[in-house]
Amino acid sequence: MKDELELIAAKEFTYYDEMYKVVDFLNKNLSEHDLVFGITEKNDKHIINIYKEK
């Protein structure tokens, strides 16, 4: 992985127990395109972040 990540998008969703599986799937299949996906929880919501490696 490169040293820096640039946030290119973020989207808030209603909490879903298995959302981490979606993020894991995206990371496994799109990492070759220099994309990294992350997930955070805030106030019973999930936020998926998309980063581009610099």
PDB file of N, CA and C in Angstrom:
ATOM      1  N   MET A   1       0.840  -1.183   0.000  1.00  0.00           N
ATOM      2  CA  MET A   1       0.000   0.000   0.000  1.00  0.00           C
ATOM      3  C   MET A   1       0.878   1.236   0.000  1.00  0.00           C
ATOM      4  N   LYS A   2       0.427   2.241  -0.698  1.00  0.00           N
ATOM      5  CA  LYS A   2       1.166   3.489  -0.761  1.00  0.00           C
ATOM      6  C   LYS A   2       0.944   4.272   0.528  1.00  0.00           C
ATOM      7  N   ASP A   3       1.740   5.317   0.715  1.00  0.00           N
ATOM      8  CA  ASP A   3       1.727   6.055   1.974  1.00  0.00           C
ATOM      9  C   ASP A   3       0.495   6.913   2.209  1.00  0.00           C
ATOM     10  N   GLU A   4      -0.092   7.456   1.165  1.00  0.00           N
ATOM     11  CA  GLU A   4      -1.178   8.398   1.360  1.00  0.00           C
ATOM     12  C   GLU A   4      -2.452   7.948   0.664  1.00  0.00           C
ATOM     13  N   LEU A   5      -3.572   8.267   1.297  1.00  0.00           N
ATOM     14  CA  LEU A   5      -4.882   7.984   0.720  1.00  0.00           C
ATOM     15  C   LEU A   5      -5.649   9.288   0.598  1.00  0.00           C
ATOM     16  N   GLU A   6      -6.342   9.439  -0.512  1.00  0.00           N
ATOM     17  CA  GLU A   6      -7.164  10.618  -0.745  1.00  0.00           C
ATOM     18  C   GLU A   6      -8.627  10.188  -0.693  1.00  0.00           C
ATOM     19  N   LEU A   7      -9.408  10.805   0.171  1.00  0.00           N
ATOM     20  CA  LEU A   7     -10.833  10.510   0.255  1.00  0.00           C
ATOM     21  C   LEU A   7     -11.516  11.055  -0.996  1.00  0.00           C
ATOM     22  N   ILE A   8     -12.185  10.174  -1.726  1.00  0.00           N
ATOM     23  CA  ILE A   8     -12.849  10.636  -2.952  1.00  0.00           C
ATOM     24  C   ILE A   8     -14.374  10.570  -2.843  1.00  0.00           C
ATOM     25  N   ALA A   9     -14.902   9.813  -1.868  1.00  0.00           N
ATOM     26  CA  ALA A   9     -16.355   9.758  -1.691  1.00  0.00           C
ATOM     27  C   ALA A   9     -16.691   9.160  -0.331  1.00  0.00           C
ATOM     28  N   ALA A  10     -17.838   9.548   0.185  1.00  0.00           N
ATOM     29  CA  ALA A  10     -18.360   8.983   1.433  1.00  0.00           C
ATOM     30  C   ALA A  10     -19.883   8.962   1.330  1.00  0.00           C
ATOM     31  N   LYS A  11     -20.478   7.902   1.853  1.00  0.00           N
ATOM     32  CA  LYS A  11     -21.937   7.768   1.796  1.00  0.00           C
ATOM     33  C   LYS A  11     -22.423   7.147   3.099  1.00  0.00           C
ATOM     34  N   GLU A  12     -23.466   7.714   3.681  1.00  0.00           N
ATOM     35  CA  GLU A  12     -24.044   7.237   4.924  1.00  0.00           C
ATOM     36  C   GLU A  12     -25.228   6.322   4.632  1.00  0.00           C
ATOM     37  N   PHE A  13     -25.298   5.208   5.360  1.00  0.00           N
ATOM     38  CA  PHE A  13     -26.364   4.223   5.193  1.00  0.00           C
ATOM     39  C   PHE A  13     -26.963   3.870   6.540  1.00  0.00           C
ATOM     40  N   THR A  14     -28.183   3.382   6.521  1.00  0.00           N
ATOM     41  CA  THR A  14     -28.789   2.826   7.720  1.00  0.00           C
ATOM     42  C   THR A  14     -27.940   1.645   8.179  1.00  0.00           C
ATOM     43  N   TYR A  15     -27.786   1.492   9.501  1.00  0.00           N
ATOM     44  CA  TYR A  15     -26.975   0.415  10.052  1.00  0.00           C
ATOM     45  C   TYR A  15     -27.424  -0.938   9.511  1.00  0.00           C
ATOM     46  N   TYR A  16     -26.445  -1.737   9.132  1.00  0.00           N
ATOM     47  CA  TYR A  16     -26.693  -3.085   8.623  1.00  0.00           C
ATOM     48  C   TYR A  16     -25.585  -3.977   9.160  1.00  0.00           C
ATOM     49  N   ASP A  17     -25.947  -5.059   9.865  1.00  0.00           N
ATOM     50  CA  ASP A  17     -24.975  -5.909  10.551  1.00  0.00           C
ATOM     51  C   ASP A  17     -23.855  -6.431   9.661  1.00  0.00           C
ATOM     52  N   GLU A  18     -24.140  -6.712   8.413  1.00  0.00           N
ATOM     53  CA  GLU A  18     -23.139  -7.339   7.546  1.00  0.00           C
ATOM     54  C   GLU A  18     -22.527  -6.381   6.527  1.00  0.00           C
ATOM     55  N   MET A  19     -22.628  -5.088   6.783  1.00  0.00           N
ATOM     56  CA  MET A  19     -22.057  -4.101   5.854  1.00  0.00           C
ATOM     57  C   MET A  19     -20.547  -4.313   5.693  1.00  0.00           C
ATOM     58  N   TYR A  20     -19.873  -4.794   6.743  1.00  0.00           N
ATOM     59  CA  TYR A  20     -18.437  -5.040   6.650  1.00  0.00           C
ATOM     60  C   TYR A  20     -18.120  -6.055   5.548  1.00  0.00           C
ATOM     61  N   LYS A  21     -19.045  -6.962   5.255  1.00  0.00           N
ATOM     62  CA  LYS A  21     -18.828  -7.941   4.187  1.00  0.00           C
ATOM     63  C   LYS A  21     -18.818  -7.262   2.818  1.00  0.00           C
ATOM     64  N   VAL A  22     -19.648  -6.248   2.655  1.00  0.00           N
ATOM     65  CA  VAL A  22     -19.671  -5.484   1.401  1.00  0.00           C
ATOM     66  C   VAL A  22     -18.331  -4.766   1.219  1.00  0.00           C
ATOM     67  N   VAL A  23     -17.860  -4.115   2.283  1.00  0.00           N
ATOM     68  CA  VAL A  23     -16.588  -3.391   2.220  1.00  0.00           C
ATOM     69  C   VAL A  23     -15.436  -4.357   1.952  1.00  0.00           C
ATOM     70  N   ASP A  24     -15.438  -5.500   2.596  1.00  0.00           N
ATOM     71  CA  ASP A  24     -14.400  -6.513   2.375  1.00  0.00           C
ATOM     72  C   ASP A  24     -14.410  -6.984   0.923  1.00  0.00           C
ATOM     73  N   PHE A  25     -15.588  -7.240   0.380  1.00  0.00           N
ATOM     74  CA  PHE A  25     -15.738  -7.650  -1.024  1.00  0.00           C
ATOM     75  C   PHE A  25     -15.165  -6.594  -1.964  1.00  0.00           C
ATOM     76  N   LEU A  26     -15.523  -5.337  -1.735  1.00  0.00           N
ATOM     77  CA  LEU A  26     -15.021  -4.251  -2.583  1.00  0.00           C
ATOM     78  C   LEU A  26     -13.507  -4.148  -2.514  1.00  0.00           C
ATOM     79  N   ASN A  27     -12.933  -4.236  -1.316  1.00  0.00           N
ATOM     80  CA  ASN A  27     -11.481  -4.155  -1.168  1.00  0.00           C
ATOM     81  C   ASN A  27     -10.769  -5.299  -1.886  1.00  0.00           C
ATOM     82  N   LYS A  28     -11.307  -6.495  -1.776  1.00  0.00           N
ATOM     83  CA  LYS A  28     -10.676  -7.653  -2.419  1.00  0.00           C
ATOM     84  C   LYS A  28     -10.729  -7.573  -3.942  1.00  0.00           C
ATOM     85  N   ASN A  29     -11.767  -6.963  -4.472  1.00  0.00           N
ATOM     86  CA  ASN A  29     -11.957  -6.965  -5.915  1.00  0.00           C
ATOM     87  C   ASN A  29     -11.537  -5.693  -6.633  1.00  0.00           C
ATOM     88  N   LEU A  30     -11.342  -4.614  -5.905  1.00  0.00           N
ATOM     89  CA  LEU A  30     -11.006  -3.350  -6.561  1.00  0.00           C
ATOM     90  C   LEU A  30      -9.660  -2.771  -6.134  1.00  0.00           C
ATOM     91  N   SER A  31      -8.918  -3.488  -5.311  1.00  0.00           N
ATOM     92  CA  SER A  31      -7.620  -2.976  -4.861  1.00  0.00           C
ATOM     93  C   SER A  31      -6.644  -2.796  -6.018  1.00  0.00           C
ATOM     94  N   GLU A  32      -6.786  -3.576  -7.069  1.00  0.00           N
ATOM     95  CA  GLU A  32      -5.893  -3.443  -8.227  1.00  0.00           C
ATOM     96  C   GLU A  32      -6.102  -2.127  -8.967  1.00  0.00           C
ATOM     97  N   HIS A  33      -7.170  -1.429  -8.642  1.00  0.00           N
ATOM     98  CA  HIS A  33      -7.462  -0.124  -9.246  1.00  0.00           C
ATOM     99  C   HIS A  33      -7.062   1.023  -8.313  1.00  0.00           C
ATOM    100  N   ASP A  34      -6.233   0.697  -7.311  1.00  0.00           N
ATOM    101  CA  ASP A  34      -5.749   1.674  -6.329  1.00  0.00           C
ATOM    102  C   ASP A  34      -6.869   2.298  -5.514  1.00  0.00           C
ATOM    103  N   LEU A  35      -7.934   1.533  -5.263  1.00  0.00           N
ATOM    104  CA  LEU A  35      -9.036   1.990  -4.436  1.00  0.00           C
ATOM    105  C   LEU A  35      -9.036   1.231  -3.118  1.00  0.00           C
ATOM    106  N   VAL A  36      -9.352   1.945  -2.049  1.00  0.00           N
ATOM    107  CA  VAL A  36      -9.444   1.353  -0.715  1.00  0.00           C
ATOM    108  C   VAL A  36     -10.778   1.798  -0.127  1.00  0.00           C
ATOM    109  N   PHE A  37     -11.508   0.858   0.461  1.00  0.00           N
ATOM    110  CA  PHE A  37     -12.805   1.141   1.050  1.00  0.00           C
ATOM    111  C   PHE A  37     -12.723   0.988   2.552  1.00  0.00           C
ATOM    112  N   GLY A  38     -13.396   1.876   3.256  1.00  0.00           N
ATOM    113  CA  GLY A  38     -13.419   1.823   4.709  1.00  0.00           C
ATOM    114  C   GLY A  38     -14.840   2.000   5.204  1.00  0.00           C
ATOM    115  N   ILE A  39     -15.060   1.611   6.459  1.00  0.00           N
ATOM    116  CA  ILE A  39     -16.391   1.737   7.045  1.00  0.00           C
ATOM    117  C   ILE A  39     -16.246   2.260   8.462  1.00  0.00           C
ATOM    118  N   THR A  40     -17.129   3.172   8.830  1.00  0.00           N
ATOM    119  CA  THR A  40     -17.175   3.682  10.195  1.00  0.00           C
ATOM    120  C   THR A  40     -18.629   3.698  10.648  1.00  0.00           C
ATOM    121  N   GLU A  41     -18.814   3.698  11.963  1.00  0.00           N
ATOM    122  CA  GLU A  41     -20.145   3.780  12.552  1.00  0.00           C
ATOM    123  C   GLU A  41     -20.302   5.126  13.221  1.00  0.00           C
ATOM    124  N   LYS A  42     -21.496   5.709  13.073  1.00  0.00           N
ATOM    125  CA  LYS A  42     -21.783   6.983  13.722  1.00  0.00           C
ATOM    126  C   LYS A  42     -23.285   7.081  13.934  1.00  0.00           C
ATOM    127  N   ASN A  43     -23.701   7.186  15.187  1.00  0.00           N
ATOM    128  CA  ASN A  43     -25.122   7.371  15.518  1.00  0.00           C
ATOM    129  C   ASN A  43     -26.031   6.354  14.831  1.00  0.00           C
ATOM    130  N   ASP A  44     -25.730   5.076  14.988  1.00  0.00           N
ATOM    131  CA  ASP A  44     -26.527   3.993  14.396  1.00  0.00           C
ATOM    132  C   ASP A  44     -26.590   4.044  12.875  1.00  0.00           C
ATOM    133  N   LYS A  45     -25.580   4.603  12.269  1.00  0.00           N
ATOM    134  CA  LYS A  45     -25.450   4.644  10.810  1.00  0.00           C
ATOM    135  C   LYS A  45     -24.084   4.085  10.438  1.00  0.00           C
ATOM    136  N   HIS A  46     -23.954   3.607   9.225  1.00  0.00           N
ATOM    137  CA  HIS A  46     -22.665   3.210   8.671  1.00  0.00           C
ATOM    138  C   HIS A  46     -22.270   4.234   7.620  1.00  0.00           C
ATOM    139  N   ILE A  47     -21.014   4.564   7.597  1.00  0.00           N
ATOM    140  CA  ILE A  47     -20.484   5.447   6.561  1.00  0.00           C
ATOM    141  C   ILE A  47     -19.413   4.681   5.819  1.00  0.00           C
ATOM    142  N   ILE A  48     -19.610   4.530   4.498  1.00  0.00           N
ATOM    143  CA  ILE A  48     -18.612   3.881   3.663  1.00  0.00           C
ATOM    144  C   ILE A  48     -17.788   4.985   3.000  1.00  0.00           C
ATOM    145  N   ASN A  49     -16.484   4.866   3.137  1.00  0.00           N
ATOM    146  CA  ASN A  49     -15.549   5.829   2.544  1.00  0.00           C
ATOM    147  C   ASN A  49     -14.787   5.146   1.422  1.00  0.00           C
ATOM    148  N   ILE A  50     -14.564   5.872   0.351  1.00  0.00           N
ATOM    149  CA  ILE A  50     -13.767   5.380  -0.773  1.00  0.00           C
ATOM    150  C   ILE A  50     -12.537   6.268  -0.870  1.00  0.00           C
ATOM    151  N   TYR A  51     -11.381   5.608  -0.876  1.00  0.00           N
ATOM    152  CA  TYR A  51     -10.099   6.306  -0.960  1.00  0.00           C
ATOM    153  C   TYR A  51      -9.361   5.885  -2.214  1.00  0.00           C
ATOM    154  N   LYS A  52      -8.578   6.797  -2.752  1.00  0.00           N
ATOM    155  CA  LYS A  52      -7.691   6.511  -3.881  1.00  0.00           C
ATOM    156  C   LYS A  52      -6.263   6.625  -3.360  1.00  0.00           C
ATOM    157  N   GLU A  53      -5.447   5.623  -3.664  1.00  0.00           N
ATOM    158  CA  GLU A  53      -4.045   5.670  -3.272  1.00  0.00           C
ATOM    159  C   GLU A  53      -3.327   6.689  -4.125  1.00  0.00           C
ATOM    160  N   LYS A  54      -2.519   7.514  -3.482  1.00  0.00           N
ATOM    161  CA  LYS A  54      -1.747   8.538  -4.211  1.00  0.00           C
ATOM    162  C   LYS A  54      -0.429   7.974  -4.658  1.00  0.00           C
TER     163      LYS A  54
END
